[in-house]
C-alpha atoms as a PDB file:
ATOM      1  CA  MET A   1      -0.012   0.008  -0.057  1.00  0.00           C
ATOM      2  CA  GLU A   2       2.823   2.364   0.851  1.00  0.00           C
ATOM      3  CA  GLN A   3       4.486   1.702  -2.531  1.00  0.00           C
ATOM      4  CA  ILE A   4       1.292   2.600  -4.366  1.00  0.00           C
ATOM      5  CA  GLN A   5       0.929   5.773  -2.305  1.00  0.00           C
ATOM      6  CA  ALA A   6       4.588   6.655  -3.197  1.00  0.00           C
ATOM      7  CA  GLU A   7       3.875   6.049  -6.836  1.00  0.00           C
ATOM      8  CA  ILE A   8       0.845   8.291  -6.720  1.00  0.00           C
ATOM      9  CA  ALA A   9       2.798  11.024  -4.985  1.00  0.00           C
ATOM     10  CA  ALA A  10       5.542  10.745  -7.598  1.00  0.00           C
ATOM     11  CA  ILE A  11       3.026  10.974 -10.387  1.00  0.00           C
ATOM     12  CA  LYS A  12       1.354  14.022  -8.906  1.00  0.00           C
ATOM     13  CA  SER A  13       4.704  15.629  -8.489  1.00  0.00           C
ATOM     14  CA  GLN A  14       5.610  14.947 -12.115  1.00  0.00           C
ATOM     15  CA  ILE A  15       2.276  16.321 -13.355  1.00  0.00           C
ATOM     16  CA  GLN A  16       2.854  19.500 -11.234  1.00  0.00           C
ATOM     17  CA  VAL A  17       6.355  19.957 -12.733  1.00  0.00           C
ATOM     18  CA  LEU A  18       4.974  19.497 -16.296  1.00  0.00           C
ATOM     19  CA  GLN A  19       2.163  21.951 -15.546  1.00  0.00           C
ATOM     20  CA  GLN A  20       4.578  24.521 -14.294  1.00  0.00           C
ATOM     21  CA  GLU A  21       6.890  24.023 -17.303  1.00  0.00           C
ATOM     22  CA  ARG A  22       3.864  24.415 -19.679  1.00  0.00           C
ATOM     23  CA  ALA A  23       2.761  27.622 -17.770  1.00  0.00           C
ATOM     24  CA  ALA A  24       6.354  29.009 -18.173  1.00  0.00           C
ATOM     25  CA  LEU A  25       6.348  28.324 -21.929  1.00  0.00           C
ATOM     26  CA  ASN A  26       2.839  29.985 -22.283  1.00  0.00           C
ATOM     27  CA  ILE A  27       3.987  33.119 -20.351  1.00  0.00           C
ATOM     28  CA  ASN A  28       6.627  33.756 -22.820  1.00  0.00           C
ATOM     29  CA  ASN A  29       4.185  33.424 -25.733  1.00  0.00           C
ATOM     30  CA  GLU A  30       0.955  34.971 -24.432  1.00  0.00           C
ATOM     31  CA  ILE A  31      -1.405  35.900 -27.154  1.00  0.00           C
ATOM     32  CA  SER A  32      -2.735  39.506 -26.772  1.00  0.00           C
ATOM     33  CA  GLY A  33      -5.081  41.536 -28.753  1.00  0.00           C
ATOM     34  CA  ASP A  34      -8.640  40.889 -29.749  1.00  0.00           C
ATOM     35  CA  ASN A  35     -10.439  38.537 -27.175  1.00  0.00           C
ATOM     36  CA  THR A  36     -13.236  37.292 -29.520  1.00  0.00           C
ATOM     37  CA  PRO A  37     -13.270  33.526 -29.893  1.00  0.00           C
ATOM     38  CA  SER A  38     -12.325  33.555 -33.574  1.00  0.00           C
ATOM     39  CA  ALA A  39      -9.499  35.994 -32.867  1.00  0.00           C
ATOM     40  CA  ILE A  40      -8.135  33.730 -30.139  1.00  0.00           C
ATOM     41  CA  VAL A  41      -8.378  30.639 -32.366  1.00  0.00           C
ATOM     42  CA  GLU A  42      -6.586  32.497 -35.211  1.00  0.00           C
ATOM     43  CA  ALA A  43      -3.846  33.827 -32.825  1.00  0.00           C
ATOM     44  CA  TYR A  44      -3.065  30.332 -31.495  1.00  0.00           C
ATOM     45  CA  ARG A  45      -3.008  28.854 -35.069  1.00  0.00           C
ATOM     46  CA  ARG A  46      -0.712  31.587 -36.233  1.00  0.00           C
ATOM     47  CA  GLN A  47       1.616  31.080 -33.197  1.00  0.00           C
ATOM     48  CA  ALA A  48       1.672  27.373 -33.993  1.00  0.00           C
ATOM     49  CA  ARG A  49       2.661  28.003 -37.579  1.00  0.00           C
ATOM     50  CA  GLU A  50       5.335  30.642 -36.616  1.00  0.00           C
ATOM     51  CA  ASN A  51       6.835  28.553 -33.740  1.00  0.00           C
ATOM     52  CA  PRO A  52       6.276  24.819 -34.538  1.00  0.00           C
ATOM     53  CA  GLN A  53       8.974  23.787 -32.092  1.00  0.00           C
ATOM     54  CA  LEU A  54       7.147  25.498 -29.216  1.00  0.00           C
ATOM     55  CA  SER A  55       3.847  24.009 -30.350  1.00  0.00           C
ATOM     56  CA  ALA A  56       5.292  20.534 -30.524  1.00  0.00           C
ATOM     57  CA  GLU A  57       6.783  20.914 -27.100  1.00  0.00           C
ATOM     58  CA  LEU A  58       3.492  22.173 -25.638  1.00  0.00           C
ATOM     59  CA  LYS A  59       1.685  19.277 -27.325  1.00  0.00           C
ATOM     60  CA  GLY A  60       4.258  16.857 -25.915  1.00  0.00           C
ATOM     61  CA  ILE A  61       3.753  18.308 -22.406  1.00  0.00           C
ATOM     62  CA  ASP A  62       0.005  18.133 -22.814  1.00  0.00           C
ATOM     63  CA  ASP A  63       0.203  14.481 -23.905  1.00  0.00           C
ATOM     64  CA  ALA A  64       2.495  13.637 -21.046  1.00  0.00           C
ATOM     65  CA  ILE A  65       0.170  15.254 -18.550  1.00  0.00           C
ATOM     66  CA  ALA A  66      -2.721  13.332 -20.070  1.00  0.00           C
ATOM     67  CA  ALA A  67      -0.792  10.024 -19.868  1.00  0.00           C
ATOM     68  CA  LEU A  68       0.259  10.702 -16.316  1.00  0.00           C
ATOM     69  CA  THR A  69      -3.189  11.745 -15.299  1.00  0.00           C
ATOM     70  CA  ASN A  70      -4.540   8.401 -16.732  1.00  0.00           C
ATOM     71  CA  GLN A  71      -1.836   6.507 -14.826  1.00  0.00           C
ATOM     72  CA  LEU A  72      -2.624   8.460 -11.727  1.00  0.00           C
ATOM     73  CA  GLN A  73      -6.323   7.480 -12.008  1.00  0.00           C
ATOM     74  CA  GLN A  74      -5.392   3.841 -12.402  1.00  0.00           C
ATOM     75  CA  LYS A  75      -3.117   3.895  -9.399  1.00  0.00           C
ATOM     76  CA  GLN A  76      -5.738   5.570  -7.274  1.00  0.00           C
ATOM     77  CA  ALA A  77      -8.295   2.938  -8.299  1.00  0.00           C
ATOM     78  CA  GLN A  78      -5.796   0.186  -7.524  1.00  0.00           C
ATOM     79  CA  LEU A  79      -5.248   1.787  -4.071  1.00  0.00           C
ATOM     80  CA  ALA A  80      -8.959   2.019  -3.451  1.00  0.00           C
ATOM     81  CA  ARG A  81      -9.427  -1.642  -4.448  1.00  0.00           C
ATOM     82  CA  TRP A  82      -6.484  -2.678  -2.275  1.00  0.00           C
ATOM     83  CA  GLN A  83      -7.897  -0.765   0.698  1.00  0.00           C
ATOM     84  CA  VAL A  84     -11.334  -2.405   0.292  1.00  0.00           C
ATOM     85  CA  GLU A  85      -9.686  -5.813   0.068  1.00  0.00           C
ATOM     86  CA  SER A  86      -7.527  -5.035   3.000  1.00  0.00           C
ATOM     87  CA  LYS A  87     -10.565  -4.061   5.034  1.00  0.00           C
ATOM     88  CA  GLN A  88     -12.353  -7.196   4.034  1.00  0.00           C
ATOM     89  CA  LEU A  89      -9.261  -9.182   4.934  1.00  0.00           C
ATOM     90  CA  THR A  90      -9.265  -7.538   8.310  1.00  0.00           C
ATOM     91  CA  ILE A  91     -12.890  -8.362   8.817  1.00  0.00           C
ATOM     92  CA  GLN A  92     -12.252 -11.958   7.671  1.00  0.00           C
ATOM     93  CA  GLN A  93      -9.408 -12.132  10.304  1.00  0.00           C
ATOM     94  CA  GLN A  94     -11.598 -10.755  13.019  1.00  0.00           C
ATOM     95  CA  LEU A  95     -14.374 -13.252  12.053  1.00  0.00           C
ATOM     96  CA  GLU A  96     -11.899 -16.146  12.177  1.00  0.00           C
ATOM     97  CA  GLU A  97     -10.590 -15.028  15.652  1.00  0.00           C
ATOM     98  CA  ALA A  98     -14.171 -14.720  16.898  1.00  0.00           C
ATOM     99  CA  LYS A  99     -15.060 -18.119  15.553  1.00  0.00           C
ATOM    100  CA  LYS A 100     -12.083 -19.570  17.497  1.00  0.00           C
ATOM    101  CA  VAL A 101     -13.258 -17.994  20.708  1.00  0.00           C
ATOM    102  CA  ALA A 102     -16.768 -19.211  20.012  1.00  0.00           C
ATOM    103  CA  GLN A 103     -15.470 -22.783  19.305  1.00  0.00           C
ATOM    104  CA  VAL A 104     -13.750 -22.785  22.764  1.00  0.00           C
ATOM    105  CA  HIS A 105     -17.093 -21.796  24.389  1.00  0.00           C
ATOM    106  CA  ALA A 106     -19.123 -24.288  22.397  1.00  0.00           C
ATOM    107  CA  ASP A 107     -16.608 -27.044  23.397  1.00  0.00           C
ATOM    108  CA  ARG A 108     -16.954 -26.052  26.947  1.00  0.00           C
ATOM    109  CA  VAL A 109     -20.780 -26.042  26.768  1.00  0.00           C
ATOM    110  CA  ASN A 110     -20.714 -29.524  25.195  1.00  0.00           C
ATOM    111  CA  GLU A 111     -18.260 -30.707  27.870  1.00  0.00           C
ATOM    112  CA  LEU A 112     -20.442 -29.420  30.674  1.00  0.00           C
ATOM    113  CA  ALA A 113     -23.542 -30.790  29.038  1.00  0.00           C
ATOM    114  CA  ALA A 114     -22.007 -34.239  28.935  1.00  0.00           C
ATOM    115  CA  GLU A 115     -21.182 -33.986  32.617  1.00  0.00           C
ATOM    116  CA  LEU A 116     -24.612 -32.721  33.449  1.00  0.00           C
ATOM    117  CA  ALA A 117     -26.241 -35.521  31.425  1.00  0.00           C
ATOM    118  CA  ASP A 118     -24.071 -38.035  33.331  1.00  0.00           C
ATOM    119  CA  GLU A 119     -25.086 -36.472  36.684  1.00  0.00           C
ATOM    120  CA  ILE A 120     -28.704 -36.609  35.658  1.00  0.00           C
ATOM    121  CA  ARG A 121     -28.392 -40.232  34.793  1.00  0.00           C
ATOM    122  CA  GLN A 122     -26.870 -41.025  38.098  1.00  0.00           C
ATOM    123  CA  LEU A 123     -29.622 -39.067  39.863  1.00  0.00           C
ATOM    124  CA  LYS A 124     -32.225 -41.042  37.920  1.00  0.00           C
ATOM    125  CA  ALA A 125     -30.535 -44.262  38.834  1.00  0.00           C
ATOM    126  CA  THR A 126     -30.591 -43.291  42.485  1.00  0.00           C
ATOM    127  CA  ALA A 127     -34.247 -42.133  42.164  1.00  0.00           C
ATOM    128  CA  ASP A 128     -35.214 -45.372  40.561  1.00  0.00           C
ATOM    129  CA  TYR A 129     -33.612 -47.243  43.484  1.00  0.00           C
ATOM    130  CA  LEU A 130     -35.198 -44.935  46.149  1.00  0.00           C
ATOM    131  CA  SER A 131     -38.652 -44.421  44.698  1.00  0.00           C
ATOM    132  CA  PRO A 132     -40.245 -47.631  45.824  1.00  0.00           C
ATOM    133  CA  LEU A 133     -38.954 -47.127  49.396  1.00  0.00           C
ATOM    134  CA  TYR A 134     -40.035 -43.458  49.307  1.00  0.00           C
ATOM    135  CA  TRP A 135     -43.579 -44.409  48.258  1.00  0.00           C
ATOM    136  CA  GLN A 136     -43.829 -46.749  51.100  1.00  0.00           C
ATOM    137  CA  VAL A 137     -42.788 -44.152  53.629  1.00  0.00           C
ATOM    138  CA  TYR A 138     -44.241 -40.925  52.306  1.00  0.00           C
ATOM    139  CA  TYR A 139     -46.859 -42.062  49.774  1.00  0.00           C
ATOM    140  CA  LYS A 140     -45.515 -39.914  46.960  1.00  0.00           C
ATOM    141  CA  PRO A 141     -42.757 -40.006  44.389  1.00  0.00           C
ATOM    142  CA  PHE A 142     -39.192 -39.076  45.333  1.00  0.00           C
ATOM    143  CA  ILE A 143     -38.389 -37.215  42.032  1.00  0.00           C
ATOM    144  CA  THR A 144     -40.528 -36.576  38.994  1.00  0.00           C
ATOM    145  CA  GLY A 145     -39.956 -35.157  35.460  1.00  0.00           C
ATOM    146  CA  PHE A 146     -37.159 -37.365  34.189  1.00  0.00           C
ATOM    147  CA  LYS A 147     -38.834 -37.785  30.780  1.00  0.00           C
ATOM    148  CA  THR A 148     -38.341 -34.063  29.898  1.00  0.00           C
ATOM    149  CA  ILE A 149     -34.892 -33.406  31.298  1.00  0.00           C
ATOM    150  CA  SER A 150     -32.591 -31.960  28.526  1.00  0.00           C
ATOM    151  CA  VAL A 151     -29.182 -30.407  28.227  1.00  0.00           C
ATOM    152  CA  PRO A 152     -27.940 -27.811  25.764  1.00  0.00           C
ATOM    153  CA  TYR A 153     -25.594 -29.053  22.980  1.00  0.00           C
ATOM    154  CA  VAL A 154     -23.845 -26.883  20.330  1.00  0.00           C
ATOM    155  CA  ARG A 155     -23.538 -28.421  16.881  1.00  0.00           C
ATOM    156  CA  SER A 156     -22.399 -27.067  13.529  1.00  0.00           C
ATOM    157  CA  ASP A 157     -22.783 -27.930   9.890  1.00  0.00           C
ATOM    158  CA  GLY A 158     -19.623 -26.058   9.079  1.00  0.00           C
ATOM    159  CA  GLU A 159     -21.134 -22.611   8.646  1.00  0.00           C
ATOM    160  CA  VAL A 160     -24.153 -22.332  10.907  1.00  0.00           C
ATOM    161  CA  TRP A 161     -23.984 -23.200  14.517  1.00  0.00           C
ATOM    162  CA  THR A 162     -27.088 -24.377  16.357  1.00  0.00           C
ATOM    163  CA  ILE A 163     -27.788 -24.840  20.051  1.00  0.00           C
ATOM    164  CA  VAL A 164     -30.159 -27.781  20.542  1.00  0.00           C
ATOM    165  CA  ASN A 165     -31.571 -29.495  23.649  1.00  0.00           C
ATOM    166  CA  ARG A 166     -30.692 -33.123  24.001  1.00  0.00           C
ATOM    167  CA  ILE A 167     -33.101 -35.180  26.104  1.00  0.00           C
ATOM    168  CA  VAL A 168     -31.228 -37.149  28.804  1.00  0.00           C
END
């Protein structure tokens, strides 16, 4: 990016030098007199016939300025494209970093969900063992609701992540 900016600055500098040179050549050969459009056109044509070397030099300077201006526009467009791509790359990098952090959290959620599911299974096994005894003593169930117990689980199809509830 710095190289392109340096090239743009060099082109602008060269254009400015050429414009100053052209202005200096025109100062020495200013056309004075009648200011009507036809008189101005005739004066410039006469000057070109009388001093073809100066006219050719001015034409060369004008052509060089036009070519440099075109090159300047191309470099500026290239710089603009590069800045957009750079910004997108930066956004892409930020996205990748955020996905890594999210993956760590998702892995931890899944780990905790597995531990919780194991604890729930152990609690259910204990409840299954205690329930008949509990009924005999208190005439009611020890624990209810095991059919609807679920734990969160994070899954991904590669692009979209989904949090689902797994029934234990």
